[in-house]
């Protein structure tokens, strides 16, 4: 898992930024990740990947 991998190309948000936001804020939904990082709020094409990251972290 590369923390520097860009997950949201529209907003330039990396996997590491998403992971940090989820763990620091106890985030559980794609919308919450979007509010915290802007990821997934552009075209929405990365929302499935964001959900996968949420599932990995939150079980």
N, C-alpha and C. Protein backbone atom coordinates (compact mmCIF):
# COMPACT_ATOMS: atom_id res chain seq x y z
N UNK A 1 0.85 -1.18 0.00
CA UNK A 1 0.00 0.00 0.00
C UNK A 1 0.90 1.24 0.00
N UNK A 2 0.84 1.99 -1.06
CA UNK A 2 1.67 3.19 -1.21
C UNK A 2 0.91 4.41 -0.73
N UNK A 3 1.35 4.98 0.38
CA UNK A 3 0.67 6.15 0.94
C UNK A 3 0.73 7.36 0.01
N UNK A 4 1.70 7.36 -0.92
CA UNK A 4 1.84 8.50 -1.82
C UNK A 4 1.02 8.35 -3.10
N UNK A 5 0.33 7.23 -3.25
CA UNK A 5 -0.50 7.01 -4.44
C UNK A 5 -1.66 8.01 -4.45
N UNK A 6 -1.83 8.70 -5.57
CA UNK A 6 -2.94 9.63 -5.69
C UNK A 6 -4.21 8.84 -5.93
N UNK A 7 -5.17 9.00 -5.04
CA UNK A 7 -6.46 8.31 -5.15
C UNK A 7 -7.46 9.20 -5.87
N UNK A 8 -7.51 10.47 -5.50
CA UNK A 8 -8.43 11.42 -6.12
C UNK A 8 -7.62 12.36 -7.02
N UNK A 9 -7.68 12.10 -8.32
CA UNK A 9 -6.93 12.92 -9.26
C UNK A 9 -7.50 14.33 -9.36
N UNK A 10 -8.81 14.47 -9.24
CA UNK A 10 -9.43 15.80 -9.35
C UNK A 10 -8.91 16.76 -8.28
N UNK A 11 -8.80 16.25 -7.05
CA UNK A 11 -8.42 17.09 -5.92
C UNK A 11 -6.98 16.85 -5.46
N UNK A 12 -6.30 15.88 -6.08
CA UNK A 12 -4.91 15.61 -5.73
C UNK A 12 -4.72 15.04 -4.33
N UNK A 13 -5.63 14.16 -3.91
CA UNK A 13 -5.58 13.59 -2.57
C UNK A 13 -4.95 12.20 -2.63
N UNK A 14 -3.99 11.98 -1.73
CA UNK A 14 -3.28 10.70 -1.71
C UNK A 14 -3.94 9.70 -0.76
N UNK A 15 -3.54 8.43 -0.93
CA UNK A 15 -4.01 7.37 -0.05
C UNK A 15 -3.66 7.70 1.41
N UNK A 16 -2.45 8.19 1.64
CA UNK A 16 -2.02 8.53 2.99
C UNK A 16 -2.88 9.61 3.63
N UNK A 17 -3.23 10.62 2.86
CA UNK A 17 -4.09 11.69 3.38
C UNK A 17 -5.46 11.15 3.76
N UNK A 18 -5.97 10.24 2.95
CA UNK A 18 -7.28 9.64 3.24
C UNK A 18 -7.20 8.77 4.49
N UNK A 19 -6.16 7.95 4.57
CA UNK A 19 -5.99 7.09 5.75
C UNK A 19 -5.86 7.93 7.01
N UNK A 20 -5.05 8.99 6.95
CA UNK A 20 -4.86 9.85 8.12
C UNK A 20 -6.17 10.49 8.55
N UNK A 21 -6.96 10.95 7.59
CA UNK A 21 -8.25 11.58 7.92
C UNK A 21 -9.20 10.57 8.55
N UNK A 22 -9.23 9.35 8.02
CA UNK A 22 -10.12 8.32 8.56
C UNK A 22 -9.74 7.98 9.99
N UNK A 23 -8.45 7.77 10.22
CA UNK A 23 -8.02 7.36 11.56
C UNK A 23 -8.11 8.50 12.57
N UNK A 24 -7.78 9.71 12.15
CA UNK A 24 -7.82 10.85 13.08
C UNK A 24 -9.25 11.26 13.42
N UNK A 25 -10.14 11.15 12.42
CA UNK A 25 -11.50 11.63 12.64
C UNK A 25 -12.53 10.56 12.88
N UNK A 26 -12.11 9.29 12.88
CA UNK A 26 -13.07 8.20 13.06
C UNK A 26 -14.11 8.17 11.95
N UNK A 27 -13.68 8.48 10.74
CA UNK A 27 -14.61 8.57 9.62
C UNK A 27 -15.09 7.19 9.18
N UNK A 28 -16.35 7.12 8.76
CA UNK A 28 -16.92 5.83 8.38
C UNK A 28 -17.61 5.85 7.01
N UNK A 29 -17.75 7.02 6.39
CA UNK A 29 -18.43 7.09 5.10
C UNK A 29 -17.59 7.85 4.08
N UNK A 30 -17.89 7.60 2.81
CA UNK A 30 -17.22 8.30 1.72
C UNK A 30 -17.51 9.80 1.83
N UNK A 31 -18.73 10.16 2.20
CA UNK A 31 -19.08 11.58 2.34
C UNK A 31 -18.25 12.26 3.41
N UNK A 32 -18.02 11.57 4.53
CA UNK A 32 -17.20 12.14 5.59
C UNK A 32 -15.76 12.35 5.12
N UNK A 33 -15.25 11.38 4.35
CA UNK A 33 -13.90 11.52 3.80
C UNK A 33 -13.86 12.72 2.86
N UNK A 34 -14.90 12.89 2.06
CA UNK A 34 -14.98 14.03 1.15
C UNK A 34 -14.99 15.36 1.88
N UNK A 35 -15.74 15.42 2.98
CA UNK A 35 -15.79 16.65 3.77
C UNK A 35 -14.43 16.96 4.38
N UNK A 36 -13.71 15.92 4.81
CA UNK A 36 -12.43 16.11 5.49
C UNK A 36 -11.28 16.39 4.52
N UNK A 37 -11.34 15.80 3.31
CA UNK A 37 -10.18 15.86 2.41
C UNK A 37 -10.49 16.41 1.03
N UNK A 38 -11.75 16.54 0.67
CA UNK A 38 -12.23 16.89 -0.68
C UNK A 38 -12.15 15.72 -1.65
N UNK A 39 -11.60 14.60 -1.24
CA UNK A 39 -11.52 13.43 -2.11
C UNK A 39 -12.92 12.94 -2.46
N UNK A 40 -13.11 12.64 -3.74
CA UNK A 40 -14.40 12.11 -4.18
C UNK A 40 -15.45 13.16 -4.45
N UNK A 41 -15.09 14.42 -4.31
CA UNK A 41 -16.09 15.48 -4.47
C UNK A 41 -16.04 16.13 -5.85
N UNK A 42 -15.09 15.69 -6.69
CA UNK A 42 -15.02 16.22 -8.06
C UNK A 42 -15.90 15.38 -8.95
N UNK A 43 -15.28 14.52 -9.75
CA UNK A 43 -16.05 13.68 -10.68
C UNK A 43 -16.68 12.48 -9.97
N UNK A 44 -16.16 12.11 -8.80
CA UNK A 44 -16.71 10.98 -8.05
C UNK A 44 -16.16 9.63 -8.47
N UNK A 45 -15.25 9.61 -9.43
CA UNK A 45 -14.72 8.36 -9.94
C UNK A 45 -13.91 7.55 -8.94
N UNK A 46 -13.44 8.18 -7.89
CA UNK A 46 -12.60 7.48 -6.90
C UNK A 46 -13.39 7.02 -5.68
N UNK A 47 -14.68 7.23 -5.67
CA UNK A 47 -15.46 6.91 -4.47
C UNK A 47 -15.43 5.43 -4.12
N UNK A 48 -15.36 4.55 -5.12
CA UNK A 48 -15.26 3.11 -4.82
C UNK A 48 -13.95 2.79 -4.12
N UNK A 49 -12.87 3.42 -4.56
CA UNK A 49 -11.56 3.19 -3.92
C UNK A 49 -11.57 3.74 -2.50
N UNK A 50 -12.19 4.89 -2.31
CA UNK A 50 -12.29 5.46 -0.95
C UNK A 50 -13.05 4.49 -0.06
N UNK A 51 -14.12 3.90 -0.57
CA UNK A 51 -14.89 2.94 0.21
C UNK A 51 -14.04 1.72 0.56
N UNK A 52 -13.21 1.27 -0.38
CA UNK A 52 -12.32 0.14 -0.12
C UNK A 52 -11.34 0.47 1.00
N UNK A 53 -10.81 1.70 0.99
CA UNK A 53 -9.88 2.12 2.05
C UNK A 53 -10.61 2.17 3.39
N UNK A 54 -11.82 2.70 3.38
CA UNK A 54 -12.64 2.72 4.61
C UNK A 54 -12.84 1.30 5.14
N UNK A 55 -13.17 0.38 4.26
CA UNK A 55 -13.41 -1.01 4.67
C UNK A 55 -12.14 -1.64 5.23
N UNK A 56 -10.98 -1.34 4.61
CA UNK A 56 -9.70 -1.88 5.11
C UNK A 56 -9.41 -1.40 6.53
N UNK A 57 -9.68 -0.12 6.77
CA UNK A 57 -9.33 0.46 8.07
C UNK A 57 -10.36 0.14 9.13
N UNK A 58 -11.64 0.23 8.77
CA UNK A 58 -12.71 0.06 9.75
C UNK A 58 -13.21 -1.37 9.85
N UNK A 59 -12.72 -2.24 8.99
CA UNK A 59 -13.14 -3.63 9.05
C UNK A 59 -14.45 -3.80 8.41
